[in-house]
PDB file of all heavy atoms in Angstrom:
ATOM      1  N   ALA A   1     202.215 143.433  20.070  1.00  0.00           N
ATOM      2  CA  ALA A   1     203.527 143.591  19.432  1.00  0.00           C
ATOM      3  C   ALA A   1     203.417 144.194  18.034  1.00  0.00           C
ATOM      4  O   ALA A   1     204.345 144.848  17.559  1.00  0.00           O
ATOM      5  CB  ALA A   1     204.232 142.233  19.364  1.00  0.00           C
ATOM      6  N   ALA A   2     202.288 144.011  17.381  1.00  0.00           N
ATOM      7  CA  ALA A   2     202.100 144.535  16.020  1.00  0.00           C
ATOM      8  C   ALA A   2     201.675 145.993  16.008  1.00  0.00           C
ATOM      9  O   ALA A   2     201.780 146.662  14.973  1.00  0.00           O
ATOM     10  CB  ALA A   2     201.052 143.698  15.292  1.00  0.00           C
ATOM     11  N   ARG A   3     201.225 146.522  17.136  1.00  0.00           N
ATOM     12  CA  ARG A   3     200.650 147.868  17.175  1.00  0.00           C
ATOM     13  C   ARG A   3     201.536 148.943  16.534  1.00  0.00           C
ATOM     14  O   ARG A   3     201.039 149.764  15.751  1.00  0.00           O
ATOM     15  CB  ARG A   3     200.276 148.253  18.605  1.00  0.00           C
ATOM     16  CG  ARG A   3     199.340 149.454  18.646  1.00  0.00           C
ATOM     17  CD  ARG A   3     198.870 149.773  20.057  1.00  0.00           C
ATOM     18  NE  ARG A   3     197.953 148.817  20.625  1.00  0.00           N
ATOM     19  CZ  ARG A   3     196.643 148.794  20.399  1.00  0.00           C
ATOM     20  NH1 ARG A   3     196.104 149.670  19.591  1.00  0.00           N
ATOM     21  NH2 ARG A   3     195.869 147.896  20.977  1.00  0.00           N
ATOM     22  N   PRO A   4     202.841 148.986  16.788  1.00  0.00           N
ATOM     23  CA  PRO A   4     203.650 150.064  16.181  1.00  0.00           C
ATOM     24  C   PRO A   4     203.732 150.004  14.657  1.00  0.00           C
ATOM     25  O   PRO A   4     204.088 150.985  14.016  1.00  0.00           O
ATOM     26  CB  PRO A   4     205.044 149.864  16.784  1.00  0.00           C
ATOM     27  CG  PRO A   4     204.853 148.989  17.970  1.00  0.00           C
ATOM     28  CD  PRO A   4     203.621 148.182  17.719  1.00  0.00           C
ATOM     29  N   TYR A   5     203.412 148.868  14.070  1.00  0.00           N
ATOM     30  CA  TYR A   5     203.591 148.675  12.634  1.00  0.00           C
ATOM     31  C   TYR A   5     202.277 148.588  11.861  1.00  0.00           C
ATOM     32  O   TYR A   5     202.284 148.476  10.638  1.00  0.00           O
ATOM     33  CB  TYR A   5     204.388 147.383  12.386  1.00  0.00           C
ATOM     34  CG  TYR A   5     205.617 147.310  13.251  1.00  0.00           C
ATOM     35  CD1 TYR A   5     205.630 146.513  14.388  1.00  0.00           C
ATOM     36  CD2 TYR A   5     206.740 148.077  12.966  1.00  0.00           C
ATOM     37  CE1 TYR A   5     206.749 146.455  15.205  1.00  0.00           C
ATOM     38  CE2 TYR A   5     207.857 148.032  13.782  1.00  0.00           C
ATOM     39  CZ  TYR A   5     207.851 147.218  14.904  1.00  0.00           C
ATOM     40  OH  TYR A   5     208.956 147.187  15.707  1.00  0.00           O
ATOM     41  N   GLU A   6     201.150 148.629  12.535  1.00  0.00           N
ATOM     42  CA  GLU A   6     199.860 148.348  11.913  1.00  0.00           C
ATOM     43  C   GLU A   6     199.483 149.297  10.785  1.00  0.00           C
ATOM     44  O   GLU A   6     198.842 148.889   9.824  1.00  0.00           O
ATOM     45  CB  GLU A   6     198.756 148.380  12.963  1.00  0.00           C
ATOM     46  CG  GLU A   6     198.846 147.233  13.909  1.00  0.00           C
ATOM     47  CD  GLU A   6     197.938 147.357  15.100  1.00  0.00           C
ATOM     48  OE1 GLU A   6     197.454 148.463  15.400  1.00  0.00           O
ATOM     49  OE2 GLU A   6     197.706 146.336  15.734  1.00  0.00           O
ATOM     50  N   LEU A   7     199.847 150.535  10.894  1.00  0.00           N
ATOM     51  CA  LEU A   7     199.438 151.503   9.874  1.00  0.00           C
ATOM     52  C   LEU A   7     200.470 151.666   8.766  1.00  0.00           C
ATOM     53  O   LEU A   7     200.270 152.444   7.839  1.00  0.00           O
ATOM     54  CB  LEU A   7     199.131 152.858  10.522  1.00  0.00           C
ATOM     55  CG  LEU A   7     198.005 152.833  11.551  1.00  0.00           C
ATOM     56  CD1 LEU A   7     197.810 154.208  12.156  1.00  0.00           C
ATOM     57  CD2 LEU A   7     196.711 152.330  10.942  1.00  0.00           C
ATOM     58  N   GLY A   8     201.563 150.925   8.849  1.00  0.00           N
ATOM     59  CA  GLY A   8     202.579 150.972   7.809  1.00  0.00           C
ATOM     60  C   GLY A   8     202.139 150.196   6.589  1.00  0.00           C
ATOM     61  O   GLY A   8     201.356 149.253   6.658  1.00  0.00           O
ATOM     62  N   LEU A   9     202.632 150.610   5.449  1.00  0.00           N
ATOM     63  CA  LEU A   9     202.294 149.945   4.201  1.00  0.00           C
ATOM     64  C   LEU A   9     203.531 149.236   3.662  1.00  0.00           C
ATOM     65  O   LEU A   9     204.558 149.873   3.453  1.00  0.00           O
ATOM     66  CB  LEU A   9     201.803 150.953   3.164  1.00  0.00           C
ATOM     67  CG  LEU A   9     200.564 151.746   3.532  1.00  0.00           C
ATOM     68  CD1 LEU A   9     200.269 152.775   2.454  1.00  0.00           C
ATOM     69  CD2 LEU A   9     199.384 150.832   3.710  1.00  0.00           C
ATOM     70  N   PRO A  10     203.446 147.941   3.398  1.00  0.00           N
ATOM     71  CA  PRO A  10     204.583 147.252   2.794  1.00  0.00           C
ATOM     72  C   PRO A  10     204.811 147.795   1.387  1.00  0.00           C
ATOM     73  O   PRO A  10     203.863 147.909   0.608  1.00  0.00           O
ATOM     74  CB  PRO A  10     204.168 145.793   2.762  1.00  0.00           C
ATOM     75  CG  PRO A  10     202.742 145.743   3.158  1.00  0.00           C
ATOM     76  CD  PRO A  10     202.333 147.083   3.659  1.00  0.00           C
ATOM     77  N   PRO A  11     206.051 148.182   1.061  1.00  0.00           N
ATOM     78  CA  PRO A  11     206.305 148.821  -0.245  1.00  0.00           C
ATOM     79  C   PRO A  11     205.899 147.966  -1.438  1.00  0.00           C
ATOM     80  O   PRO A  11     205.485 148.492  -2.453  1.00  0.00           O
ATOM     81  CB  PRO A  11     207.808 149.073  -0.250  1.00  0.00           C
ATOM     82  CG  PRO A  11     208.334 148.550   1.022  1.00  0.00           C
ATOM     83  CD  PRO A  11     207.237 148.022   1.850  1.00  0.00           C
ATOM     84  N   GLN A  12     205.996 146.665  -1.323  1.00  0.00           N
ATOM     85  CA  GLN A  12     205.656 145.824  -2.468  1.00  0.00           C
ATOM     86  C   GLN A  12     204.151 145.771  -2.731  1.00  0.00           C
ATOM     87  O   GLN A  12     203.725 145.465  -3.826  1.00  0.00           O
ATOM     88  CB  GLN A  12     206.234 144.411  -2.308  1.00  0.00           C
ATOM     89  CG  GLN A  12     205.623 143.581  -1.210  1.00  0.00           C
ATOM     90  CD  GLN A  12     206.240 143.816   0.162  1.00  0.00           C
ATOM     91  OE1 GLN A  12     206.847 144.839   0.430  1.00  0.00           O
ATOM     92  NE2 GLN A  12     206.063 142.864   1.053  1.00  0.00           N
ATOM     93  N   LEU A  13     203.337 146.076  -1.725  1.00  0.00           N
ATOM     94  CA  LEU A  13     201.891 146.001  -1.901  1.00  0.00           C
ATOM     95  C   LEU A  13     201.234 147.368  -2.060  1.00  0.00           C
ATOM     96  O   LEU A  13     200.241 147.499  -2.752  1.00  0.00           O
ATOM     97  CB  LEU A  13     201.246 145.290  -0.702  1.00  0.00           C
ATOM     98  CG  LEU A  13     201.656 143.846  -0.472  1.00  0.00           C
ATOM     99  CD1 LEU A  13     200.994 143.300   0.774  1.00  0.00           C
ATOM    100  CD2 LEU A  13     201.287 142.994  -1.677  1.00  0.00           C
ATOM    101  N   GLN A  14     201.756 148.357  -1.391  1.00  0.00           N
ATOM    102  CA  GLN A  14     201.196 149.708  -1.399  1.00  0.00           C
ATOM    103  C   GLN A  14     199.788 149.776  -0.840  1.00  0.00           C
ATOM    104  O   GLN A  14     199.065 150.719  -1.070  1.00  0.00           O
ATOM    105  CB  GLN A  14     201.247 150.324  -2.800  1.00  0.00           C
ATOM    106  CG  GLN A  14     202.645 150.516  -3.327  1.00  0.00           C
ATOM    107  CD  GLN A  14     203.491 151.400  -2.420  1.00  0.00           C
ATOM    108  OE1 GLN A  14     203.077 152.464  -2.028  1.00  0.00           O
ATOM    109  NE2 GLN A  14     204.677 150.944  -2.085  1.00  0.00           N
ATOM    110  N   VAL A  15     199.344 148.716  -0.191  1.00  0.00           N
ATOM    111  CA  VAL A  15     198.064 148.717   0.500  1.00  0.00           C
ATOM    112  C   VAL A  15     198.239 147.964   1.802  1.00  0.00           C
ATOM    113  O   VAL A  15     199.146 147.166   1.949  1.00  0.00           O
ATOM    114  CB  VAL A  15     196.925 148.059  -0.322  1.00  0.00           C
ATOM    115  CG1 VAL A  15     196.624 148.849  -1.564  1.00  0.00           C
ATOM    116  CG2 VAL A  15     197.244 146.621  -0.642  1.00  0.00           C
ATOM    117  N   GLY A  16     197.381 148.217   2.718  1.00  0.00           N
ATOM    118  CA  GLY A  16     197.410 147.487   3.981  1.00  0.00           C
ATOM    119  C   GLY A  16     196.054 146.882   4.239  1.00  0.00           C
ATOM    120  O   GLY A  16     195.066 147.209   3.585  1.00  0.00           O
ATOM    121  N   THR A  17     196.001 146.006   5.179  1.00  0.00           N
ATOM    122  CA  THR A  17     194.740 145.345   5.470  1.00  0.00           C
ATOM    123  C   THR A  17     194.274 145.600   6.890  1.00  0.00           C
ATOM    124  O   THR A  17     193.110 145.410   7.186  1.00  0.00           O
ATOM    125  CB  THR A  17     194.872 143.828   5.265  1.00  0.00           C
ATOM    126  OG1 THR A  17     195.915 143.351   6.107  1.00  0.00           O
ATOM    127  CG2 THR A  17     195.182 143.506   3.813  1.00  0.00           C
ATOM    128  N   LEU A  18     195.176 145.994   7.763  1.00  0.00           N
ATOM    129  CA  LEU A  18     194.881 146.252   9.170  1.00  0.00           C
ATOM    130  C   LEU A  18     194.352 145.014   9.875  1.00  0.00           C
ATOM    131  O   LEU A  18     193.600 145.104  10.842  1.00  0.00           O
ATOM    132  CB  LEU A  18     193.918 147.438   9.329  1.00  0.00           C
ATOM    133  CG  LEU A  18     194.373 148.746   8.682  1.00  0.00           C
ATOM    134  CD1 LEU A  18     193.364 149.848   8.975  1.00  0.00           C
ATOM    135  CD2 LEU A  18     195.751 149.151   9.132  1.00  0.00           C
ATOM    136  N   TYR A  19     194.756 143.839   9.410  1.00  0.00           N
ATOM    137  CA  TYR A  19     194.315 142.597  10.034  1.00  0.00           C
ATOM    138  C   TYR A  19     194.654 142.496  11.516  1.00  0.00           C
ATOM    139  O   TYR A  19     193.828 142.010  12.291  1.00  0.00           O
ATOM    140  CB  TYR A  19     194.844 141.370   9.286  1.00  0.00           C
ATOM    141  CG  TYR A  19     194.082 141.066   8.020  1.00  0.00           C
ATOM    142  CD1 TYR A  19     194.723 140.983   6.800  1.00  0.00           C
ATOM    143  CD2 TYR A  19     192.704 140.852   8.045  1.00  0.00           C
ATOM    144  CE1 TYR A  19     194.030 140.709   5.636  1.00  0.00           C
ATOM    145  CE2 TYR A  19     192.001 140.586   6.892  1.00  0.00           C
ATOM    146  CZ  TYR A  19     192.666 140.511   5.692  1.00  0.00           C
ATOM    147  OH  TYR A  19     191.965 140.248   4.546  1.00  0.00           O
ATOM    148  N   PRO A  20     195.842 142.928  11.962  1.00  0.00           N
ATOM    149  CA  PRO A  20     196.100 142.832  13.408  1.00  0.00           C
ATOM    150  C   PRO A  20     195.080 143.612  14.239  1.00  0.00           C
ATOM    151  O   PRO A  20     194.635 143.137  15.288  1.00  0.00           O
ATOM    152  CB  PRO A  20     197.504 143.415  13.575  1.00  0.00           C
ATOM    153  CG  PRO A  20     198.147 143.228  12.246  1.00  0.00           C
ATOM    154  CD  PRO A  20     197.039 143.396  11.239  1.00  0.00           C
ATOM    155  N   ILE A  21     194.670 144.772  13.756  1.00  0.00           N
ATOM    156  CA  ILE A  21     193.664 145.570  14.468  1.00  0.00           C
ATOM    157  C   ILE A  21     192.333 144.835  14.465  1.00  0.00           C
ATOM    158  O   ILE A  21     191.657 144.745  15.491  1.00  0.00           O
ATOM    159  CB  ILE A  21     193.511 146.962  13.822  1.00  0.00           C
ATOM    160  CG1 ILE A  21     194.837 147.728  13.883  1.00  0.00           C
ATOM    161  CG2 ILE A  21     192.394 147.751  14.492  1.00  0.00           C
ATOM    162  CD1 ILE A  21     194.851 149.019  13.088  1.00  0.00           C
ATOM    163  N   PHE A  22     191.968 144.274  13.324  1.00  0.00           N
ATOM    164  CA  PHE A  22     190.705 143.551  13.204  1.00  0.00           C
ATOM    165  C   PHE A  22     190.675 142.337  14.128  1.00  0.00           C
ATOM    166  O   PHE A  22     189.705 142.119  14.853  1.00  0.00           O
ATOM    167  CB  PHE A  22     190.488 143.120  11.745  1.00  0.00           C
ATOM    168  CG  PHE A  22     189.190 142.409  11.521  1.00  0.00           C
ATOM    169  CD1 PHE A  22     187.998 143.105  11.497  1.00  0.00           C
ATOM    170  CD2 PHE A  22     189.161 141.037  11.343  1.00  0.00           C
ATOM    171  CE1 PHE A  22     186.787 142.451  11.302  1.00  0.00           C
ATOM    172  CE2 PHE A  22     187.965 140.376  11.144  1.00  0.00           C
ATOM    173  CZ  PHE A  22     186.772 141.087  11.118  1.00  0.00           C
ATOM    174  N   VAL A  23     191.746 141.562  14.126  1.00  0.00           N
ATOM    175  CA  VAL A  23     191.782 140.357  14.955  1.00  0.00           C
ATOM    176  C   VAL A  23     191.780 140.733  16.439  1.00  0.00           C
ATOM    177  O   VAL A  23     191.128 140.074  17.252  1.00  0.00           O
ATOM    178  CB  VAL A  23     193.005 139.480  14.591  1.00  0.00           C
ATOM    179  CG1 VAL A  23     193.157 138.315  15.563  1.00  0.00           C
ATOM    180  CG2 VAL A  23     192.871 138.957  13.160  1.00  0.00           C
ATOM    181  N   ARG A  24     192.471 141.808  16.785  1.00  0.00           N
ATOM    182  CA  ARG A  24     192.454 142.256  18.184  1.00  0.00           C
ATOM    183  C   ARG A  24     191.027 142.672  18.580  1.00  0.00           C
ATOM    184  O   ARG A  24     190.557 142.355  19.667  1.00  0.00           O
ATOM    185  CB  ARG A  24     193.445 143.403  18.396  1.00  0.00           C
ATOM    186  CG  ARG A  24     193.706 143.697  19.844  1.00  0.00           C
ATOM    187  CD  ARG A  24     194.877 144.642  20.111  1.00  0.00           C
ATOM    188  NE  ARG A  24     194.959 145.742  19.189  1.00  0.00           N
ATOM    189  CZ  ARG A  24     195.930 145.891  18.268  1.00  0.00           C
ATOM    190  NH1 ARG A  24     196.903 145.010  18.164  1.00  0.00           N
ATOM    191  NH2 ARG A  24     195.919 146.919  17.454  1.00  0.00           N
ATOM    192  N   GLY A  25     190.334 143.363  17.685  1.00  0.00           N
ATOM    193  CA  GLY A  25     188.947 143.733  17.950  1.00  0.00           C
ATOM    194  C   GLY A  25     188.076 142.504  18.135  1.00  0.00           C
ATOM    195  O   GLY A  25     187.229 142.460  19.031  1.00  0.00           O
ATOM    196  N   GLN A  26     188.291 141.489  17.302  1.00  0.00           N
ATOM    197  CA  GLN A  26     187.557 140.241  17.437  1.00  0.00           C
ATOM    198  C   GLN A  26     187.834 139.592  18.800  1.00  0.00           C
ATOM    199  O   GLN A  26     186.921 139.090  19.452  1.00  0.00           O
ATOM    200  CB  GLN A  26     187.969 139.267  16.320  1.00  0.00           C
ATOM    201  CG  GLN A  26     187.510 139.659  14.943  1.00  0.00           C
ATOM    202  CD  GLN A  26     186.069 139.320  14.732  1.00  0.00           C
ATOM    203  OE1 GLN A  26     185.664 138.181  14.942  1.00  0.00           O
ATOM    204  NE2 GLN A  26     185.294 140.287  14.316  1.00  0.00           N
TER     205      GLN A  26
END
């Protein structure tokens, strides 16, 4: 469910972590 949003950056942070991708890989 997170896949469509994974590469988006929250405006308040201006950085992403890609945690959903990492956890899926795990």
